[in-house]
Amino acid sequence: MEKTIIQNYIEEQDEAIRPRLFEIYEAIHTAIPDAEERLSWGMPTFWRGRNIIHFAPAKRHIGLYPGPDAIIAFAGQLTEYKTSKGAVQLPNNRELPLGLIAEIAKWSYENNKR
């Protein structure tokens, strides 16, 4: 099977972070399998008429970018993470909250307001 554009992106990242990126990719892809996969702003992006959710590695964390509405909707579940207007920082030294990532992705897909 041919790799997707996001899988190819992950393969090009630092070897140490690849497994975590693949875990996030699988959680989102499984939650919203009908979303189109693309790169937007240089980041893996799931898209349906607009950008639904992005993610990308940084030095000490992986950024998850579901947008400001999702951050507000999930504020109670994101208290352990650094957040900003439309982003969540998932520290590299902690286990990934894959169930929460999938929930956020599904919510973002279903609440595609633009």
N, C-alpha and C. Protein backbone atom coordinates (compact mmCIF):
# COMPACT_ATOMS: atom_id res chain seq x y z
N MET A 1 0.85 -1.18 0.00
CA MET A 1 0.00 0.00 0.00
C MET A 1 0.90 1.25 0.00
N GLU A 2 0.53 2.22 -0.79
CA GLU A 2 1.29 3.46 -0.89
C GLU A 2 1.09 4.30 0.37
N LYS A 3 2.18 4.92 0.82
CA LYS A 3 2.11 5.76 2.01
C LYS A 3 1.41 7.07 1.69
N THR A 4 0.75 7.61 2.71
CA THR A 4 0.08 8.90 2.55
C THR A 4 1.10 10.03 2.68
N ILE A 5 0.69 11.22 2.32
CA ILE A 5 1.57 12.38 2.44
C ILE A 5 1.99 12.61 3.89
N ILE A 6 1.10 12.33 4.83
CA ILE A 6 1.44 12.50 6.24
C ILE A 6 2.43 11.43 6.69
N GLN A 7 2.22 10.20 6.27
CA GLN A 7 3.17 9.14 6.62
C GLN A 7 4.56 9.45 6.06
N ASN A 8 4.61 9.96 4.85
CA ASN A 8 5.90 10.36 4.27
C ASN A 8 6.55 11.48 5.09
N TYR A 9 5.76 12.45 5.52
CA TYR A 9 6.25 13.54 6.36
C TYR A 9 6.88 12.97 7.64
N ILE A 10 6.16 12.06 8.30
CA ILE A 10 6.65 11.48 9.55
C ILE A 10 7.97 10.74 9.32
N GLU A 11 8.05 10.01 8.23
CA GLU A 11 9.28 9.26 7.92
C GLU A 11 10.49 10.19 7.79
N GLU A 12 10.26 11.46 7.45
CA GLU A 12 11.35 12.42 7.27
C GLU A 12 11.77 13.10 8.58
N GLN A 13 11.03 12.86 9.66
CA GLN A 13 11.33 13.50 10.94
C GLN A 13 12.41 12.73 11.70
N ASP A 14 12.92 13.35 12.75
CA ASP A 14 13.94 12.73 13.59
C ASP A 14 13.47 11.36 14.06
N GLU A 15 14.35 10.40 13.97
CA GLU A 15 14.01 9.01 14.30
C GLU A 15 13.44 8.85 15.71
N ALA A 16 13.93 9.63 16.65
CA ALA A 16 13.48 9.52 18.04
C ALA A 16 12.01 9.90 18.21
N ILE A 17 11.50 10.81 17.39
CA ILE A 17 10.12 11.30 17.55
C ILE A 17 9.12 10.57 16.65
N ARG A 18 9.61 9.88 15.66
CA ARG A 18 8.71 9.21 14.70
C ARG A 18 7.64 8.33 15.34
N PRO A 19 7.99 7.46 16.30
CA PRO A 19 6.93 6.61 16.88
C PRO A 19 5.79 7.42 17.48
N ARG A 20 6.10 8.51 18.16
CA ARG A 20 5.05 9.34 18.76
C ARG A 20 4.20 10.00 17.68
N LEU A 21 4.84 10.47 16.63
CA LEU A 21 4.09 11.08 15.52
C LEU A 21 3.17 10.06 14.86
N PHE A 22 3.66 8.83 14.68
CA PHE A 22 2.81 7.80 14.09
C PHE A 22 1.64 7.46 15.00
N GLU A 23 1.86 7.46 16.32
CA GLU A 23 0.75 7.20 17.26
C GLU A 23 -0.33 8.28 17.13
N ILE A 24 0.09 9.51 17.05
CA ILE A 24 -0.88 10.61 16.90
C ILE A 24 -1.59 10.49 15.56
N TYR A 25 -0.83 10.23 14.51
CA TYR A 25 -1.43 10.06 13.18
C TYR A 25 -2.50 8.96 13.21
N GLU A 26 -2.17 7.81 13.77
CA GLU A 26 -3.12 6.69 13.82
C GLU A 26 -4.36 7.04 14.64
N ALA A 27 -4.18 7.74 15.76
CA ALA A 27 -5.32 8.11 16.59
C ALA A 27 -6.27 9.03 15.82
N ILE A 28 -5.71 10.00 15.11
CA ILE A 28 -6.55 10.94 14.36
C ILE A 28 -7.15 10.25 13.14
N HIS A 29 -6.34 9.52 12.40
CA HIS A 29 -6.84 8.85 11.19
C HIS A 29 -7.97 7.88 11.53
N THR A 30 -7.82 7.15 12.63
CA THR A 30 -8.87 6.20 13.04
C THR A 30 -10.14 6.94 13.45
N ALA A 31 -9.99 8.08 14.10
CA ALA A 31 -11.15 8.86 14.57
C ALA A 31 -11.90 9.52 13.42
N ILE A 32 -11.15 9.98 12.40
CA ILE A 32 -11.79 10.70 11.28
C ILE A 32 -11.24 10.17 9.94
N PRO A 33 -11.55 8.92 9.63
CA PRO A 33 -10.97 8.29 8.43
C PRO A 33 -11.39 8.95 7.12
N ASP A 34 -12.47 9.69 7.11
CA ASP A 34 -12.95 10.31 5.87
C ASP A 34 -12.29 11.66 5.59
N ALA A 35 -11.52 12.17 6.53
CA ALA A 35 -10.86 13.46 6.33
C ALA A 35 -9.74 13.29 5.31
N GLU A 36 -9.56 14.31 4.50
CA GLU A 36 -8.46 14.30 3.53
C GLU A 36 -7.17 14.61 4.26
N GLU A 37 -6.10 13.93 3.87
CA GLU A 37 -4.79 14.17 4.47
C GLU A 37 -3.97 15.04 3.54
N ARG A 38 -3.36 16.07 4.12
CA ARG A 38 -2.51 16.97 3.35
C ARG A 38 -1.50 17.64 4.28
N LEU A 39 -0.59 18.38 3.69
CA LEU A 39 0.30 19.24 4.47
C LEU A 39 -0.19 20.66 4.31
N SER A 40 -0.33 21.35 5.41
CA SER A 40 -0.75 22.75 5.40
C SER A 40 0.13 23.49 6.39
N TRP A 41 0.70 24.60 5.96
CA TRP A 41 1.63 25.36 6.78
C TRP A 41 2.80 24.49 7.22
N GLY A 42 3.15 23.51 6.38
CA GLY A 42 4.27 22.63 6.65
C GLY A 42 3.98 21.57 7.70
N MET A 43 2.71 21.39 8.06
CA MET A 43 2.34 20.43 9.10
C MET A 43 1.37 19.39 8.55
N PRO A 44 1.42 18.17 9.10
CA PRO A 44 0.40 17.18 8.77
C PRO A 44 -0.97 17.73 9.16
N THR A 45 -1.90 17.64 8.23
CA THR A 45 -3.22 18.24 8.41
C THR A 45 -4.30 17.29 7.94
N PHE A 46 -5.37 17.23 8.70
CA PHE A 46 -6.58 16.52 8.28
C PHE A 46 -7.56 17.61 7.90
N TRP A 47 -8.18 17.46 6.75
CA TRP A 47 -8.93 18.53 6.11
C TRP A 47 -10.29 18.04 5.63
N ARG A 48 -11.28 18.90 5.76
CA ARG A 48 -12.61 18.69 5.14
C ARG A 48 -13.22 20.06 4.91
N GLY A 49 -12.98 20.59 3.75
CA GLY A 49 -13.48 21.93 3.43
C GLY A 49 -12.66 23.03 4.08
N ARG A 50 -11.94 22.69 5.10
CA ARG A 50 -11.00 23.57 5.81
C ARG A 50 -10.10 22.68 6.65
N ASN A 51 -9.08 23.27 7.24
CA ASN A 51 -8.19 22.51 8.12
C ASN A 51 -8.96 22.12 9.38
N ILE A 52 -8.97 20.83 9.69
CA ILE A 52 -9.66 20.33 10.87
C ILE A 52 -8.71 20.27 12.07
N ILE A 53 -7.55 19.64 11.85
CA ILE A 53 -6.58 19.47 12.93
C ILE A 53 -5.20 19.25 12.31
N HIS A 54 -4.18 19.86 12.93
CA HIS A 54 -2.79 19.69 12.51
C HIS A 54 -2.01 19.14 13.70
N PHE A 55 -0.82 18.62 13.41
CA PHE A 55 0.13 18.31 14.47
C PHE A 55 1.53 18.43 13.90
N ALA A 56 2.50 18.70 14.78
CA ALA A 56 3.88 18.85 14.32
C ALA A 56 4.83 18.77 15.51
N PRO A 57 6.01 18.23 15.28
CA PRO A 57 7.00 18.16 16.36
C PRO A 57 7.67 19.50 16.61
N ALA A 58 8.02 19.72 17.86
CA ALA A 58 8.84 20.85 18.28
C ALA A 58 9.98 20.26 19.11
N LYS A 59 10.79 21.09 19.69
CA LYS A 59 11.98 20.59 20.40
C LYS A 59 11.62 19.68 21.58
N ARG A 60 10.69 20.13 22.42
CA ARG A 60 10.37 19.38 23.65
C ARG A 60 8.93 18.85 23.70
N HIS A 61 8.19 19.08 22.63
CA HIS A 61 6.80 18.63 22.63
C HIS A 61 6.33 18.40 21.19
N ILE A 62 5.12 17.87 21.09
CA ILE A 62 4.43 17.82 19.81
C ILE A 62 3.25 18.76 19.93
N GLY A 63 3.12 19.65 18.98
CA GLY A 63 2.00 20.57 18.98
C GLY A 63 0.81 19.93 18.30
N LEU A 64 -0.34 20.05 18.92
CA LEU A 64 -1.60 19.61 18.34
C LEU A 64 -2.43 20.87 18.14
N TYR A 65 -2.92 21.07 16.93
CA TYR A 65 -3.58 22.32 16.57
C TYR A 65 -5.01 22.06 16.07
N PRO A 66 -5.97 21.94 16.99
CA PRO A 66 -7.36 21.72 16.59
C PRO A 66 -8.16 23.00 16.43
N GLY A 67 -7.58 24.14 16.78
CA GLY A 67 -8.28 25.41 16.68
C GLY A 67 -8.86 25.84 18.02
N PRO A 68 -9.22 27.11 18.12
CA PRO A 68 -9.67 27.67 19.41
C PRO A 68 -10.98 27.08 19.93
N ASP A 69 -11.91 26.72 19.05
CA ASP A 69 -13.18 26.17 19.53
C ASP A 69 -12.97 24.84 20.27
N ALA A 70 -12.08 24.01 19.74
CA ALA A 70 -11.79 22.72 20.38
C ALA A 70 -11.08 22.92 21.72
N ILE A 71 -10.18 23.88 21.77
CA ILE A 71 -9.47 24.15 23.03
C ILE A 71 -10.47 24.55 24.11
N ILE A 72 -11.44 25.37 23.75
CA ILE A 72 -12.48 25.77 24.70
C ILE A 72 -13.34 24.57 25.08
N ALA A 73 -13.76 23.78 24.09
CA ALA A 73 -14.64 22.64 24.36
C ALA A 73 -13.97 21.59 25.25
N PHE A 74 -12.67 21.42 25.14
CA PHE A 74 -11.96 20.40 25.90
C PHE A 74 -11.12 20.97 27.04
N ALA A 75 -11.35 22.21 27.41
CA ALA A 75 -10.54 22.87 28.44
C ALA A 75 -10.45 22.05 29.72
N GLY A 76 -11.54 21.45 30.13
CA GLY A 76 -11.53 20.65 31.36
C GLY A 76 -10.65 19.42 31.29
N GLN A 77 -10.44 18.89 30.10
CA GLN A 77 -9.59 17.71 29.93
C GLN A 77 -8.15 18.07 29.57
N LEU A 78 -7.89 19.34 29.35
CA LEU A 78 -6.56 19.78 28.93
C LEU A 78 -5.80 20.51 30.04
N THR A 79 -6.29 20.43 31.27
CA THR A 79 -5.68 21.20 32.35
C THR A 79 -4.23 20.79 32.63
N GLU A 80 -3.84 19.58 32.29
CA GLU A 80 -2.48 19.11 32.54
C GLU A 80 -1.50 19.53 31.44
N TYR A 81 -1.99 20.21 30.41
CA TYR A 81 -1.17 20.56 29.26
C TYR A 81 -1.12 22.07 29.07
N LYS A 82 -0.02 22.53 28.51
CA LYS A 82 0.07 23.93 28.14
C LYS A 82 -0.76 24.13 26.88
N THR A 83 -1.65 25.10 26.92
CA THR A 83 -2.49 25.40 25.76
C THR A 83 -2.38 26.87 25.42
N SER A 84 -2.74 27.18 24.19
CA SER A 84 -2.87 28.57 23.76
C SER A 84 -4.17 28.65 22.98
N LYS A 85 -4.40 29.72 22.29
CA LYS A 85 -5.68 29.95 21.62
C LYS A 85 -6.17 28.76 20.79
N GLY A 86 -5.30 28.12 20.04
CA GLY A 86 -5.74 27.01 19.20
C GLY A 86 -4.83 25.81 19.24
N ALA A 87 -3.99 25.71 20.29
CA ALA A 87 -2.98 24.66 20.32
C ALA A 87 -2.83 24.02 21.69
N VAL A 88 -2.33 22.78 21.66
CA VAL A 88 -2.00 22.02 22.86
C VAL A 88 -0.57 21.53 22.70
N GLN A 89 0.23 21.67 23.76
CA GLN A 89 1.58 21.12 23.74
C GLN A 89 1.57 19.78 24.46
N LEU A 90 1.98 18.74 23.74
CA LEU A 90 2.06 17.39 24.30
C LEU A 90 3.54 17.10 24.57
N PRO A 91 3.99 17.21 25.84
CA PRO A 91 5.40 17.05 26.16
C PRO A 91 5.95 15.69 25.74
N ASN A 92 7.18 15.70 25.24
CA ASN A 92 7.80 14.45 24.78
C ASN A 92 8.15 13.51 25.92
N ASN A 93 8.17 14.01 27.15
CA ASN A 93 8.53 13.16 28.28
C ASN A 93 7.30 12.59 29.00
N ARG A 94 6.13 12.68 28.38
CA ARG A 94 4.90 12.14 28.97
C ARG A 94 4.19 11.25 27.97
N GLU A 95 3.41 10.33 28.49
CA GLU A 95 2.63 9.45 27.63
C GLU A 95 1.61 10.29 26.85
N LEU A 96 1.41 9.91 25.60
CA LEU A 96 0.44 10.64 24.77
C LEU A 96 -0.98 10.29 25.18
N PRO A 97 -1.87 11.28 25.27
CA PRO A 97 -3.28 11.02 25.58
C PRO A 97 -4.04 10.67 24.29
N LEU A 98 -3.78 9.48 23.76
CA LEU A 98 -4.29 9.12 22.43
C LEU A 98 -5.82 9.12 22.36
N GLY A 99 -6.47 8.68 23.42
CA GLY A 99 -7.93 8.71 23.44
C GLY A 99 -8.46 10.14 23.36
N LEU A 100 -7.84 11.03 24.11
CA LEU A 100 -8.24 12.44 24.09
C LEU A 100 -7.95 13.07 22.72
N ILE A 101 -6.81 12.74 22.15
CA ILE A 101 -6.48 13.25 20.80
C ILE A 101 -7.55 12.81 19.81
N ALA A 102 -7.95 11.56 19.87
CA ALA A 102 -8.99 11.05 18.97
C ALA A 102 -10.32 11.76 19.20
N GLU A 103 -10.66 11.98 20.47
CA GLU A 103 -11.91 12.70 20.80
C GLU A 103 -11.89 14.12 20.23
N ILE A 104 -10.77 14.80 20.42
CA ILE A 104 -10.65 16.17 19.91
C ILE A 104 -10.76 16.18 18.39
N ALA A 105 -10.11 15.24 17.74
CA ALA A 105 -10.17 15.17 16.28
C ALA A 105 -11.60 14.93 15.80
N LYS A 106 -12.29 14.00 16.43
CA LYS A 106 -13.66 13.69 16.03
C LYS A 106 -14.58 14.89 16.27
N TRP A 107 -14.43 15.53 17.42
CA TRP A 107 -15.22 16.73 17.73
C TRP A 107 -14.95 17.81 16.69
N SER A 108 -13.68 18.03 16.38
CA SER A 108 -13.31 19.06 15.41
C SER A 108 -13.89 18.77 14.03
N TYR A 109 -13.88 17.52 13.65
CA TYR A 109 -14.44 17.10 12.36
C TYR A 109 -15.95 17.32 12.33
N GLU A 110 -16.62 16.95 13.41
CA GLU A 110 -18.09 17.07 13.47
C GLU A 110 -18.54 18.51 13.63
N ASN A 111 -17.69 19.36 14.17
CA ASN A 111 -18.03 20.76 14.41
C ASN A 111 -17.31 21.68 13.44
N ASN A 112 -17.15 21.20 12.23
CA ASN A 112 -16.46 21.92 11.15
C ASN A 112 -17.35 23.09 10.73
N LYS A 113 -17.16 24.25 11.39
CA LYS A 113 -18.11 25.36 11.24
C LYS A 113 -17.84 26.32 10.10
N ARG A 114 -16.62 26.33 9.58
CA ARG A 114 -16.32 27.33 8.55
C ARG A 114 -16.70 26.87 7.19
